[in-house]
Amino acid sequence: MSQRAAGTRLSDRQRLSWLRLIRTPNVGAATFRDLINRFGSAETALEMLPELMVSGGARKAVRIPTVAEAEAELETARRAGARFVGIGEADYPPLMKSMDHPPPLLAVKGEGAVFR
């Protein structure tokens, strides 16, 4: 995944799409990055994923989490005092970024500045 400029913020729509994509079975950090690089956005990757899976020989349809499921997860995190931080956002831990395949989203509870 091309690195987002440090301090840029995901829109609510982007965060929702990122969460749906990373929660899709068989989409880990490396695949997430590859899909973003290939399609330009999580939203477009989500649209193309079923076709991509079929052309890749998948025997059954991939189950992409619904918008409602992702919204419910975001709300559950919010009620617990947590939020999802995307790679490239100001609160994303710098040490995590240095990993080979950093998680694109982290649930963070408390003050993100503690990671600096």
PDB file of N, CA and C in Angstrom:
ATOM      1  N   MET A   1       0.861  -1.170   0.000  1.00  0.00           N
ATOM      2  CA  MET A   1       0.000   0.000   0.000  1.00  0.00           C
ATOM      3  C   MET A   1       0.893   1.214   0.000  1.00  0.00           C
ATOM      4  N   SER A   2       0.628   2.141  -0.857  1.00  0.00           N
ATOM      5  CA  SER A   2       1.400   3.361  -0.816  1.00  0.00           C
ATOM      6  C   SER A   2       1.147   4.020   0.527  1.00  0.00           C
ATOM      7  N   GLN A   3       2.206   4.501   1.127  1.00  0.00           N
ATOM      8  CA  GLN A   3       2.066   5.125   2.437  1.00  0.00           C
ATOM      9  C   GLN A   3       1.242   6.392   2.304  1.00  0.00           C
ATOM     10  N   ARG A   4       0.305   6.527   3.198  1.00  0.00           N
ATOM     11  CA  ARG A   4      -0.462   7.763   3.258  1.00  0.00           C
ATOM     12  C   ARG A   4       0.437   8.804   3.909  1.00  0.00           C
ATOM     13  N   ALA A   5       0.289  10.049   3.527  1.00  0.00           N
ATOM     14  CA  ALA A   5       1.081  11.103   4.146  1.00  0.00           C
ATOM     15  C   ALA A   5       0.790  11.125   5.637  1.00  0.00           C
ATOM     16  N   ALA A   6       1.852  11.194   6.430  1.00  0.00           N
ATOM     17  CA  ALA A   6       1.688  11.187   7.882  1.00  0.00           C
ATOM     18  C   ALA A   6       0.752  12.312   8.298  1.00  0.00           C
ATOM     19  N   GLY A   7      -0.196  11.965   9.119  1.00  0.00           N
ATOM     20  CA  GLY A   7      -1.125  12.964   9.627  1.00  0.00           C
ATOM     21  C   GLY A   7      -2.379  13.124   8.795  1.00  0.00           C
ATOM     22  N   THR A   8      -2.443  12.490   7.611  1.00  0.00           N
ATOM     23  CA  THR A   8      -3.690  12.566   6.853  1.00  0.00           C
ATOM     24  C   THR A   8      -4.745  11.763   7.586  1.00  0.00           C
ATOM     25  N   ARG A   9      -5.979  12.100   7.356  1.00  0.00           N
ATOM     26  CA  ARG A   9      -7.070  11.439   8.064  1.00  0.00           C
ATOM     27  C   ARG A   9      -7.970  10.708   7.093  1.00  0.00           C
ATOM     28  N   LEU A  10      -8.355   9.503   7.486  1.00  0.00           N
ATOM     29  CA  LEU A  10      -9.356   8.777   6.707  1.00  0.00           C
ATOM     30  C   LEU A  10     -10.707   9.440   6.916  1.00  0.00           C
ATOM     31  N   SER A  11     -11.491   9.514   5.874  1.00  0.00           N
ATOM     32  CA  SER A  11     -12.872   9.966   6.042  1.00  0.00           C
ATOM     33  C   SER A  11     -13.648   8.827   6.701  1.00  0.00           C
ATOM     34  N   ASP A  12     -14.827   9.121   7.209  1.00  0.00           N
ATOM     35  CA  ASP A  12     -15.660   8.071   7.807  1.00  0.00           C
ATOM     36  C   ASP A  12     -15.957   6.980   6.783  1.00  0.00           C
ATOM     37  N   ARG A  13     -16.212   7.385   5.559  1.00  0.00           N
ATOM     38  CA  ARG A  13     -16.509   6.421   4.488  1.00  0.00           C
ATOM     39  C   ARG A  13     -15.297   5.533   4.195  1.00  0.00           C
ATOM     40  N   GLN A  14     -14.102   6.140   4.142  1.00  0.00           N
ATOM     41  CA  GLN A  14     -12.882   5.369   3.914  1.00  0.00           C
ATOM     42  C   GLN A  14     -12.639   4.389   5.061  1.00  0.00           C
ATOM     43  N   ARG A  15     -12.800   4.856   6.291  1.00  0.00           N
ATOM     44  CA  ARG A  15     -12.564   4.008   7.461  1.00  0.00           C
ATOM     45  C   ARG A  15     -13.508   2.796   7.425  1.00  0.00           C
ATOM     46  N   LEU A  16     -14.743   3.035   7.066  1.00  0.00           N
ATOM     47  CA  LEU A  16     -15.729   1.960   6.960  1.00  0.00           C
ATOM     48  C   LEU A  16     -15.310   0.956   5.877  1.00  0.00           C
ATOM     49  N   SER A  17     -14.883   1.451   4.734  1.00  0.00           N
ATOM     50  CA  SER A  17     -14.440   0.569   3.649  1.00  0.00           C
ATOM     51  C   SER A  17     -13.174  -0.193   4.036  1.00  0.00           C
ATOM     52  N   TRP A  18     -12.249   0.475   4.699  1.00  0.00           N
ATOM     53  CA  TRP A  18     -11.030  -0.199   5.149  1.00  0.00           C
ATOM     54  C   TRP A  18     -11.383  -1.327   6.112  1.00  0.00           C
ATOM     55  N   LEU A  19     -12.300  -1.063   7.033  1.00  0.00           N
ATOM     56  CA  LEU A  19     -12.688  -2.079   8.005  1.00  0.00           C
ATOM     57  C   LEU A  19     -13.357  -3.265   7.302  1.00  0.00           C
ATOM     58  N   ARG A  20     -14.236  -2.985   6.373  1.00  0.00           N
ATOM     59  CA  ARG A  20     -14.896  -4.071   5.630  1.00  0.00           C
ATOM     60  C   ARG A  20     -13.867  -4.911   4.876  1.00  0.00           C
ATOM     61  N   LEU A  21     -12.905  -4.249   4.246  1.00  0.00           N
ATOM     62  CA  LEU A  21     -11.911  -4.976   3.457  1.00  0.00           C
ATOM     63  C   LEU A  21     -11.011  -5.825   4.349  1.00  0.00           C
ATOM     64  N   ILE A  22     -10.510  -5.275   5.434  1.00  0.00           N
ATOM     65  CA  ILE A  22      -9.592  -6.036   6.289  1.00  0.00           C
ATOM     66  C   ILE A  22     -10.320  -7.152   7.031  1.00  0.00           C
ATOM     67  N   ARG A  23     -11.628  -7.043   7.204  1.00  0.00           N
ATOM     68  CA  ARG A  23     -12.407  -8.097   7.866  1.00  0.00           C
ATOM     69  C   ARG A  23     -12.895  -9.174   6.888  1.00  0.00           C
ATOM     70  N   THR A  24     -12.606  -8.996   5.619  1.00  0.00           N
ATOM     71  CA  THR A  24     -12.986  -9.989   4.617  1.00  0.00           C
ATOM     72  C   THR A  24     -12.073 -11.207   4.757  1.00  0.00           C
ATOM     73  N   PRO A  25     -12.641 -12.417   4.771  1.00  0.00           N
ATOM     74  CA  PRO A  25     -11.806 -13.619   4.886  1.00  0.00           C
ATOM     75  C   PRO A  25     -10.695 -13.640   3.833  1.00  0.00           C
ATOM     76  N   ASN A  26      -9.529 -14.066   4.268  1.00  0.00           N
ATOM     77  CA  ASN A  26      -8.328 -14.200   3.429  1.00  0.00           C
ATOM     78  C   ASN A  26      -7.731 -12.869   2.989  1.00  0.00           C
ATOM     79  N   VAL A  27      -8.151 -11.777   3.582  1.00  0.00           N
ATOM     80  CA  VAL A  27      -7.523 -10.479   3.317  1.00  0.00           C
ATOM     81  C   VAL A  27      -6.770 -10.075   4.584  1.00  0.00           C
ATOM     82  N   GLY A  28      -5.461 -10.239   4.532  1.00  0.00           N
ATOM     83  CA  GLY A  28      -4.601  -9.801   5.624  1.00  0.00           C
ATOM     84  C   GLY A  28      -3.939  -8.489   5.242  1.00  0.00           C
ATOM     85  N   ALA A  29      -2.954  -8.100   6.020  1.00  0.00           N
ATOM     86  CA  ALA A  29      -2.298  -6.808   5.794  1.00  0.00           C
ATOM     87  C   ALA A  29      -1.649  -6.718   4.410  1.00  0.00           C
ATOM     88  N   ALA A  30      -0.946  -7.769   3.997  1.00  0.00           N
ATOM     89  CA  ALA A  30      -0.263  -7.727   2.696  1.00  0.00           C
ATOM     90  C   ALA A  30      -1.268  -7.699   1.544  1.00  0.00           C
ATOM     91  N   THR A  31      -2.302  -8.522   1.629  1.00  0.00           N
ATOM     92  CA  THR A  31      -3.327  -8.534   0.578  1.00  0.00           C
ATOM     93  C   THR A  31      -4.067  -7.207   0.539  1.00  0.00           C
ATOM     94  N   PHE A  32      -4.361  -6.651   1.716  1.00  0.00           N
ATOM     95  CA  PHE A  32      -5.008  -5.342   1.801  1.00  0.00           C
ATOM     96  C   PHE A  32      -4.178  -4.317   1.029  1.00  0.00           C
ATOM     97  N   ARG A  33      -2.878  -4.272   1.330  1.00  0.00           N
ATOM     98  CA  ARG A  33      -1.979  -3.324   0.659  1.00  0.00           C
ATOM     99  C   ARG A  33      -1.997  -3.547  -0.847  1.00  0.00           C
ATOM    100  N   ASP A  34      -1.905  -4.811  -1.264  1.00  0.00           N
ATOM    101  CA  ASP A  34      -1.895  -5.116  -2.700  1.00  0.00           C
ATOM    102  C   ASP A  34      -3.192  -4.673  -3.382  1.00  0.00           C
ATOM    103  N   LEU A  35      -4.319  -4.899  -2.724  1.00  0.00           N
ATOM    104  CA  LEU A  35      -5.614  -4.499  -3.295  1.00  0.00           C
ATOM    105  C   LEU A  35      -5.727  -2.977  -3.407  1.00  0.00           C
ATOM    106  N   ILE A  36      -5.271  -2.265  -2.382  1.00  0.00           N
ATOM    107  CA  ILE A  36      -5.305  -0.794  -2.425  1.00  0.00           C
ATOM    108  C   ILE A  36      -4.404  -0.291  -3.554  1.00  0.00           C
ATOM    109  N   ASN A  37      -3.214  -0.869  -3.657  1.00  0.00           N
ATOM    110  CA  ASN A  37      -2.300  -0.455  -4.728  1.00  0.00           C
ATOM    111  C   ASN A  37      -2.882  -0.752  -6.109  1.00  0.00           C
ATOM    112  N   ARG A  38      -3.558  -1.867  -6.236  1.00  0.00           N
ATOM    113  CA  ARG A  38      -4.111  -2.255  -7.542  1.00  0.00           C
ATOM    114  C   ARG A  38      -5.330  -1.430  -7.924  1.00  0.00           C
ATOM    115  N   PHE A  39      -6.235  -1.202  -6.960  1.00  0.00           N
ATOM    116  CA  PHE A  39      -7.512  -0.573  -7.278  1.00  0.00           C
ATOM    117  C   PHE A  39      -7.628   0.881  -6.830  1.00  0.00           C
ATOM    118  N   GLY A  40      -6.686   1.363  -6.045  1.00  0.00           N
ATOM    119  CA  GLY A  40      -6.681   2.772  -5.664  1.00  0.00           C
ATOM    120  C   GLY A  40      -7.439   3.119  -4.406  1.00  0.00           C
ATOM    121  N   SER A  41      -8.394   2.286  -4.023  1.00  0.00           N
ATOM    122  CA  SER A  41      -9.160   2.555  -2.800  1.00  0.00           C
ATOM    123  C   SER A  41      -9.767   1.254  -2.296  1.00  0.00           C
ATOM    124  N   ALA A  42     -10.086   1.238  -1.012  1.00  0.00           N
ATOM    125  CA  ALA A  42     -10.745   0.064  -0.437  1.00  0.00           C
ATOM    126  C   ALA A  42     -12.134  -0.106  -1.036  1.00  0.00           C
ATOM    127  N   GLU A  43     -12.796   0.998  -1.287  1.00  0.00           N
ATOM    128  CA  GLU A  43     -14.146   0.931  -1.850  1.00  0.00           C
ATOM    129  C   GLU A  43     -14.143   0.233  -3.214  1.00  0.00           C
ATOM    130  N   THR A  44     -13.213   0.606  -4.070  1.00  0.00           N
ATOM    131  CA  THR A  44     -13.118  -0.032  -5.382  1.00  0.00           C
ATOM    132  C   THR A  44     -12.676  -1.483  -5.242  1.00  0.00           C
ATOM    133  N   ALA A  45     -11.747  -1.746  -4.327  1.00  0.00           N
ATOM    134  CA  ALA A  45     -11.307  -3.126  -4.091  1.00  0.00           C
ATOM    135  C   ALA A  45     -12.481  -3.997  -3.661  1.00  0.00           C
ATOM    136  N   LEU A  46     -13.344  -3.472  -2.802  1.00  0.00           N
ATOM    137  CA  LEU A  46     -14.521  -4.226  -2.358  1.00  0.00           C
ATOM    138  C   LEU A  46     -15.447  -4.544  -3.528  1.00  0.00           C
ATOM    139  N   GLU A  47     -15.590  -3.596  -4.446  1.00  0.00           N
ATOM    140  CA  GLU A  47     -16.438  -3.816  -5.620  1.00  0.00           C
ATOM    141  C   GLU A  47     -15.849  -4.882  -6.540  1.00  0.00           C
ATOM    142  N   MET A  48     -14.528  -4.905  -6.656  1.00  0.00           N
ATOM    143  CA  MET A  48     -13.860  -5.800  -7.597  1.00  0.00           C
ATOM    144  C   MET A  48     -13.537  -7.170  -7.004  1.00  0.00           C
ATOM    145  N   LEU A  49     -13.553  -7.288  -5.693  1.00  0.00           N
ATOM    146  CA  LEU A  49     -13.118  -8.516  -5.036  1.00  0.00           C
ATOM    147  C   LEU A  49     -13.878  -9.767  -5.476  1.00  0.00           C
ATOM    148  N   PRO A  50     -15.204  -9.751  -5.574  1.00  0.00           N
ATOM    149  CA  PRO A  50     -15.888 -10.975  -6.022  1.00  0.00           C
ATOM    150  C   PRO A  50     -15.419 -11.446  -7.403  1.00  0.00           C
ATOM    151  N   GLU A  51     -15.287 -10.518  -8.332  1.00  0.00           N
ATOM    152  CA  GLU A  51     -14.822 -10.865  -9.680  1.00  0.00           C
ATOM    153  C   GLU A  51     -13.382 -11.371  -9.640  1.00  0.00           C
ATOM    154  N   LEU A  52     -12.560 -10.734  -8.845  1.00  0.00           N
ATOM    155  CA  LEU A  52     -11.162 -11.126  -8.708  1.00  0.00           C
ATOM    156  C   LEU A  52     -11.048 -12.543  -8.146  1.00  0.00           C
ATOM    157  N   MET A  53     -11.878 -12.866  -7.172  1.00  0.00           N
ATOM    158  CA  MET A  53     -11.857 -14.198  -6.565  1.00  0.00           C
ATOM    159  C   MET A  53     -12.265 -15.267  -7.587  1.00  0.00           C
ATOM    160  N   VAL A  54     -13.301 -14.987  -8.363  1.00  0.00           N
ATOM    161  CA  VAL A  54     -13.759 -15.944  -9.377  1.00  0.00           C
ATOM    162  C   VAL A  54     -12.667 -16.159 -10.421  1.00  0.00           C
ATOM    163  N   SER A  55     -12.067 -15.074 -10.896  1.00  0.00           N
ATOM    164  CA  SER A  55     -11.018 -15.211 -11.910  1.00  0.00           C
ATOM    165  C   SER A  55      -9.781 -15.891 -11.338  1.00  0.00           C
ATOM    166  N   GLY A  56      -9.621 -15.838 -10.019  1.00  0.00           N
ATOM    167  CA  GLY A  56      -8.502 -16.511  -9.360  1.00  0.00           C
ATOM    168  C   GLY A  56      -8.788 -17.963  -9.024  1.00  0.00           C
ATOM    169  N   GLY A  57      -9.987 -18.440  -9.364  1.00  0.00           N
ATOM    170  CA  GLY A  57     -10.307 -19.839  -9.164  1.00  0.00           C
ATOM    171  C   GLY A  57     -11.054 -20.163  -7.885  1.00  0.00           C
ATOM    172  N   ALA A  58     -11.563 -19.151  -7.196  1.00  0.00           N
ATOM    173  CA  ALA A  58     -12.318 -19.411  -5.965  1.00  0.00           C
ATOM    174  C   ALA A  58     -13.532 -20.270  -6.282  1.00  0.00           C
ATOM    175  N   ARG A  59     -13.791 -21.230  -5.424  1.00  0.00           N
ATOM    176  CA  ARG A  59     -14.918 -22.139  -5.650  1.00  0.00           C
ATOM    177  C   ARG A  59     -16.217 -21.607  -5.076  1.00  0.00           C
ATOM    178  N   LYS A  60     -16.118 -20.683  -4.154  1.00  0.00           N
ATOM    179  CA  LYS A  60     -17.339 -20.085  -3.609  1.00  0.00           C
ATOM    180  C   LYS A  60     -17.128 -18.586  -3.441  1.00  0.00           C
ATOM    181  N   ALA A  61     -18.222 -17.885  -3.374  1.00  0.00           N
ATOM    182  CA  ALA A  61     -18.175 -16.426  -3.271  1.00  0.00           C
ATOM    183  C   ALA A  61     -17.551 -16.009  -1.944  1.00  0.00           C
ATOM    184  N   VAL A  62     -16.774 -14.963  -2.003  1.00  0.00           N
ATOM    185  CA  VAL A  62     -16.191 -14.403  -0.789  1.00  0.00           C
ATOM    186  C   VAL A  62     -17.287 -13.661  -0.033  1.00  0.00           C
ATOM    187  N   ARG A  63     -17.272 -13.783   1.282  1.00  0.00           N
ATOM    188  CA  ARG A  63     -18.261 -13.081   2.093  1.00  0.00           C
ATOM    189  C   ARG A  63     -17.645 -11.791   2.619  1.00  0.00           C
ATOM    190  N   ILE A  64     -18.030 -10.699   2.008  1.00  0.00           N
ATOM    191  CA  ILE A  64     -17.549  -9.383   2.420  1.00  0.00           C
ATOM    192  C   ILE A  64     -18.480  -8.872   3.511  1.00  0.00           C
ATOM    193  N   PRO A  65     -17.922  -8.423   4.637  1.00  0.00           N
ATOM    194  CA  PRO A  65     -18.790  -7.870   5.683  1.00  0.00           C
ATOM    195  C   PRO A  65     -19.640  -6.724   5.136  1.00  0.00           C
ATOM    196  N   THR A  66     -20.866  -6.662   5.603  1.00  0.00           N
ATOM    197  CA  THR A  66     -21.779  -5.614   5.150  1.00  0.00           C
ATOM    198  C   THR A  66     -21.415  -4.278   5.789  1.00  0.00           C
ATOM    199  N   VAL A  67     -21.953  -3.223   5.210  1.00  0.00           N
ATOM    200  CA  VAL A  67     -21.783  -1.892   5.794  1.00  0.00           C
ATOM    201  C   VAL A  67     -22.337  -1.890   7.215  1.00  0.00           C
ATOM    202  N   ALA A  68     -23.500  -2.507   7.405  1.00  0.00           N
ATOM    203  CA  ALA A  68     -24.118  -2.545   8.736  1.00  0.00           C
ATOM    204  C   ALA A  68     -23.225  -3.265   9.745  1.00  0.00           C
ATOM    205  N   GLU A  69     -22.585  -4.347   9.334  1.00  0.00           N
ATOM    206  CA  GLU A  69     -21.681  -5.070  10.242  1.00  0.00           C
ATOM    207  C   GLU A  69     -20.478  -4.215  10.616  1.00  0.00           C
ATOM    208  N   ALA A  70     -19.913  -3.530   9.641  1.00  0.00           N
ATOM    209  CA  ALA A  70     -18.762  -2.671   9.921  1.00  0.00           C
ATOM    210  C   ALA A  70     -19.170  -1.487  10.796  1.00  0.00           C
ATOM    211  N   GLU A  71     -20.329  -0.903  10.516  1.00  0.00           N
ATOM    212  CA  GLU A  71     -20.816   0.197  11.356  1.00  0.00           C
ATOM    213  C   GLU A  71     -21.028  -0.276  12.789  1.00  0.00           C
ATOM    214  N   ALA A  72     -21.551  -1.485  12.954  1.00  0.00           N
ATOM    215  CA  ALA A  72     -21.766  -2.034  14.297  1.00  0.00           C
ATOM    216  C   ALA A  72     -20.437  -2.233  15.017  1.00  0.00           C
ATOM    217  N   GLU A  73     -19.411  -2.683  14.304  1.00  0.00           N
ATOM    218  CA  GLU A  73     -18.098  -2.854  14.926  1.00  0.00           C
ATOM    219  C   GLU A  73     -17.505  -1.512  15.338  1.00  0.00           C
ATOM    220  N   LEU A  74     -17.648  -0.511  14.482  1.00  0.00           N
ATOM    221  CA  LEU A  74     -17.175   0.831  14.829  1.00  0.00           C
ATOM    222  C   LEU A  74     -17.905   1.359  16.057  1.00  0.00           C
ATOM    223  N   GLU A  75     -19.199   1.135  16.115  1.00  0.00           N
ATOM    224  CA  GLU A  75     -20.000   1.599  17.252  1.00  0.00           C
ATOM    225  C   GLU A  75     -19.631   0.849  18.532  1.00  0.00           C
ATOM    226  N   THR A  76     -19.402  -0.438  18.441  1.00  0.00           N
ATOM    227  CA  THR A  76     -18.981  -1.217  19.611  1.00  0.00           C
ATOM    228  C   THR A  76     -17.654  -0.689  20.141  1.00  0.00           C
ATOM    229  N   ALA A  77     -16.735  -0.408  19.245  1.00  0.00           N
ATOM    230  CA  ALA A  77     -15.443   0.158  19.654  1.00  0.00           C
ATOM    231  C   ALA A  77     -15.648   1.517  20.312  1.00  0.00           C
ATOM    232  N   ARG A  78     -16.489   2.343  19.713  1.00  0.00           N
ATOM    233  CA  ARG A  78     -16.739   3.676  20.268  1.00  0.00           C
ATOM    234  C   ARG A  78     -17.305   3.579  21.679  1.00  0.00           C
ATOM    235  N   ARG A  79     -18.268   2.675  21.886  1.00  0.00           N
ATOM    236  CA  ARG A  79     -18.863   2.508  23.218  1.00  0.00           C
ATOM    237  C   ARG A  79     -17.833   2.030  24.244  1.00  0.00           C
ATOM    238  N   ALA A  80     -16.828   1.304  23.782  1.00  0.00           N
ATOM    239  CA  ALA A  80     -15.764   0.822  24.668  1.00  0.00           C
ATOM    240  C   ALA A  80     -14.667   1.869  24.861  1.00  0.00           C
ATOM    241  N   GLY A  81     -14.836   3.029  24.231  1.00  0.00           N
ATOM    242  CA  GLY A  81     -13.837   4.089  24.356  1.00  0.00           C
ATOM    243  C   GLY A  81     -12.671   3.938  23.393  1.00  0.00           C
ATOM    244  N   ALA A  82     -12.858   3.137  22.347  1.00  0.00           N
ATOM    245  CA  ALA A  82     -11.793   2.906  21.369  1.00  0.00           C
ATOM    246  C   ALA A  82     -12.203   3.474  20.013  1.00  0.00           C
ATOM    247  N   ARG A  83     -11.232   3.571  19.148  1.00  0.00           N
ATOM    248  CA  ARG A  83     -11.478   4.024  17.781  1.00  0.00           C
ATOM    249  C   ARG A  83     -10.489   3.307  16.873  1.00  0.00           C
ATOM    250  N   PHE A  84     -10.797   3.259  15.600  1.00  0.00           N
ATOM    251  CA  PHE A  84      -9.907   2.629  14.633  1.00  0.00           C
ATOM    252  C   PHE A  84      -9.031   3.701  13.996  1.00  0.00           C
ATOM    253  N   VAL A  85      -7.726   3.449  14.010  1.00  0.00           N
ATOM    254  CA  VAL A  85      -6.740   4.365  13.450  1.00  0.00           C
ATOM    255  C   VAL A  85      -6.104   3.678  12.250  1.00  0.00           C
ATOM    256  N   GLY A  86      -6.074   4.376  11.129  1.00  0.00           N
ATOM    257  CA  GLY A  86      -5.489   3.825   9.907  1.00  0.00           C
ATOM    258  C   GLY A  86      -4.027   4.183   9.768  1.00  0.00           C
ATOM    259  N   ILE A  87      -3.294   3.305   9.083  1.00  0.00           N
ATOM    260  CA  ILE A  87      -1.883   3.583   8.829  1.00  0.00           C
ATOM    261  C   ILE A  87      -1.784   4.917   8.081  1.00  0.00           C
ATOM    262  N   GLY A  88      -0.881   5.745   8.502  1.00  0.00           N
ATOM    263  CA  GLY A  88      -0.733   7.070   7.911  1.00  0.00           C
ATOM    264  C   GLY A  88      -1.425   8.161   8.700  1.00  0.00           C
ATOM    265  N   GLU A  89      -2.336   7.785   9.585  1.00  0.00           N
ATOM    266  CA  GLU A  89      -2.974   8.794  10.434  1.00  0.00           C
ATOM    267  C   GLU A  89      -2.021   9.138  11.584  1.00  0.00           C
ATOM    268  N   ALA A  90      -2.194  10.316  12.135  1.00  0.00           N
ATOM    269  CA  ALA A  90      -1.276  10.835  13.151  1.00  0.00           C
ATOM    270  C   ALA A  90      -1.145   9.917  14.365  1.00  0.00           C
ATOM    271  N   ASP A  91      -2.216   9.251  14.773  1.00  0.00           N
ATOM    272  CA  ASP A  91      -2.173   8.403  15.966  1.00  0.00           C
ATOM    273  C   ASP A  91      -1.694   6.981  15.698  1.00  0.00           C
ATOM    274  N   TYR A  92      -1.354   6.655  14.463  1.00  0.00           N
ATOM    275  CA  TYR A  92      -0.870   5.306  14.168  1.00  0.00           C
ATOM    276  C   TYR A  92       0.542   5.166  14.735  1.00  0.00           C
ATOM    277  N   PRO A  93       0.800   4.104  15.506  1.00  0.00           N
ATOM    278  CA  PRO A  93       2.108   3.948  16.157  1.00  0.00           C
ATOM    279  C   PRO A  93       3.257   3.825  15.153  1.00  0.00           C
ATOM    280  N   PRO A  94       4.268   4.683  15.272  1.00  0.00           N
ATOM    281  CA  PRO A  94       5.405   4.646  14.343  1.00  0.00           C
ATOM    282  C   PRO A  94       6.095   3.284  14.277  1.00  0.00           C
ATOM    283  N   LEU A  95       6.225   2.601  15.404  1.00  0.00           N
ATOM    284  CA  LEU A  95       6.881   1.292  15.387  1.00  0.00           C
ATOM    285  C   LEU A  95       6.093   0.269  14.573  1.00  0.00           C
ATOM    286  N   MET A  96       4.790   0.390  14.579  1.00  0.00           N
ATOM    287  CA  MET A  96       3.969  -0.533  13.791  1.00  0.00           C
ATOM    288  C   MET A  96       4.208  -0.312  12.298  1.00  0.00           C
ATOM    289  N   LYS A  97       4.396   0.940  11.904  1.00  0.00           N
ATOM    290  CA  LYS A  97       4.615   1.251  10.485  1.00  0.00           C
ATOM    291  C   LYS A  97       5.878   0.597   9.943  1.00  0.00           C
ATOM    292  N   SER A  98       6.846   0.342  10.834  1.00  0.00           N
ATOM    293  CA  SER A  98       8.121  -0.208  10.381  1.00  0.00           C
ATOM    294  C   SER A  98       8.064  -1.721  10.140  1.00  0.00           C
ATOM    295  N   MET A  99       6.961  -2.356  10.471  1.00  0.00           N
ATOM    296  CA  MET A  99       6.807  -3.794  10.229  1.00  0.00           C
ATOM    297  C   MET A  99       6.744  -4.072   8.726  1.00  0.00           C
ATOM    298  N   ASP A 100       7.066  -5.301   8.337  1.00  0.00           N
ATOM    299  CA  ASP A 100       6.968  -5.674   6.920  1.00  0.00           C
ATOM    300  C   ASP A 100       5.544  -5.513   6.393  1.00  0.00           C
ATOM    301  N   HIS A 101       4.575  -5.951   7.172  1.00  0.00           N
ATOM    302  CA  HIS A 101       3.171  -5.862   6.766  1.00  0.00           C
ATOM    303  C   HIS A 101       2.363  -5.301   7.931  1.00  0.00           C
ATOM    304  N   PRO A 102       2.451  -3.986   8.150  1.00  0.00           N
ATOM    305  CA  PRO A 102       1.730  -3.401   9.286  1.00  0.00           C
ATOM    306  C   PRO A 102       0.221  -3.505   9.094  1.00  0.00           C
ATOM    307  N   PRO A 103      -0.508  -3.713  10.180  1.00  0.00           N
ATOM    308  CA  PRO A 103      -1.964  -3.753  10.052  1.00  0.00           C
ATOM    309  C   PRO A 103      -2.476  -2.408   9.554  1.00  0.00           C
ATOM    310  N   PRO A 104      -3.371  -2.413   8.584  1.00  0.00           N
ATOM    311  CA  PRO A 104      -3.863  -1.148   8.049  1.00  0.00           C
ATOM    312  C   PRO A 104      -4.720  -0.375   9.038  1.00  0.00           C
ATOM    313  N   LEU A 105      -5.386  -1.080   9.930  1.00  0.00           N
ATOM    314  CA  LEU A 105      -6.226  -0.453  10.952  1.00  0.00           C
ATOM    315  C   LEU A 105      -5.897  -1.057  12.308  1.00  0.00           C
ATOM    316  N   LEU A 106      -5.879  -0.196  13.312  1.00  0.00           N
ATOM    317  CA  LEU A 106      -5.700  -0.638  14.693  1.00  0.00           C
ATOM    318  C   LEU A 106      -6.821  -0.062  15.534  1.00  0.00           C
ATOM    319  N   ALA A 107      -7.321  -0.848  16.460  1.00  0.00           N
ATOM    320  CA  ALA A 107      -8.258  -0.318  17.449  1.00  0.00           C
ATOM    321  C   ALA A 107      -7.410   0.272  18.568  1.00  0.00           C
ATOM    322  N   VAL A 108      -7.616   1.542  18.843  1.00  0.00           N
ATOM    323  CA  VAL A 108      -6.835   2.255  19.847  1.00  0.00           C
ATOM    324  C   VAL A 108      -7.776   2.771  20.917  1.00  0.00           C
ATOM    325  N   LYS A 109      -7.407   2.506  22.153  1.00  0.00           N
ATOM    326  CA  LYS A 109      -8.185   3.008  23.279  1.00  0.00           C
ATOM    327  C   LYS A 109      -7.282   3.952  24.054  1.00  0.00           C
ATOM    328  N   GLY A 110      -7.783   5.117  24.328  1.00  0.00           N
ATOM    329  CA  GLY A 110      -6.984   6.095  25.052  1.00  0.00           C
ATOM    330  C   GLY A 110      -6.317   7.079  24.109  1.00  0.00           C
ATOM    331  N   GLU A 111      -5.303   7.733  24.615  1.00  0.00           N
ATOM    332  CA  GLU A 111      -4.606   8.785  23.878  1.00  0.00           C
ATOM    333  C   GLU A 111      -3.574   8.191  22.933  1.00  0.00           C
ATOM    334  N   GLY A 112      -3.708   8.468  21.658  1.00  0.00           N
ATOM    335  CA  GLY A 112      -2.796   7.934  20.660  1.00  0.00           C
ATOM    336  C   GLY A 112      -1.392   8.496  20.749  1.00  0.00           C
ATOM    337  N   ALA A 113      -1.234   9.668  21.337  1.00  0.00           N
ATOM    338  CA  ALA A 113       0.084  10.296  21.439  1.00  0.00           C
ATOM    339  C   ALA A 113       1.053   9.453  22.261  1.00  0.00           C
ATOM    340  N   VAL A 114       0.556   8.549  23.069  1.00  0.00           N
ATOM    341  CA  VAL A 114       1.410   7.697  23.893  1.00  0.00           C
ATOM    342  C   VAL A 114       2.314   6.818  23.025  1.00  0.00           C
ATOM    343  N   PHE A 115       1.968   6.600  21.775  1.00  0.00           N
ATOM    344  CA  PHE A 115       2.756   5.753  20.890  1.00  0.00           C
ATOM    345  C   PHE A 115       3.978   6.457  20.317  1.00  0.00           C
ATOM    346  N   ARG A 116       4.081   7.728  20.506  1.00  0.00           N
ATOM    347  CA  ARG A 116       5.223   8.468  19.944  1.00  0.00           C
ATOM    348  C   ARG A 116       6.422   8.365  20.828  1.00  0.00           C
TER     349      ARG A 116
END
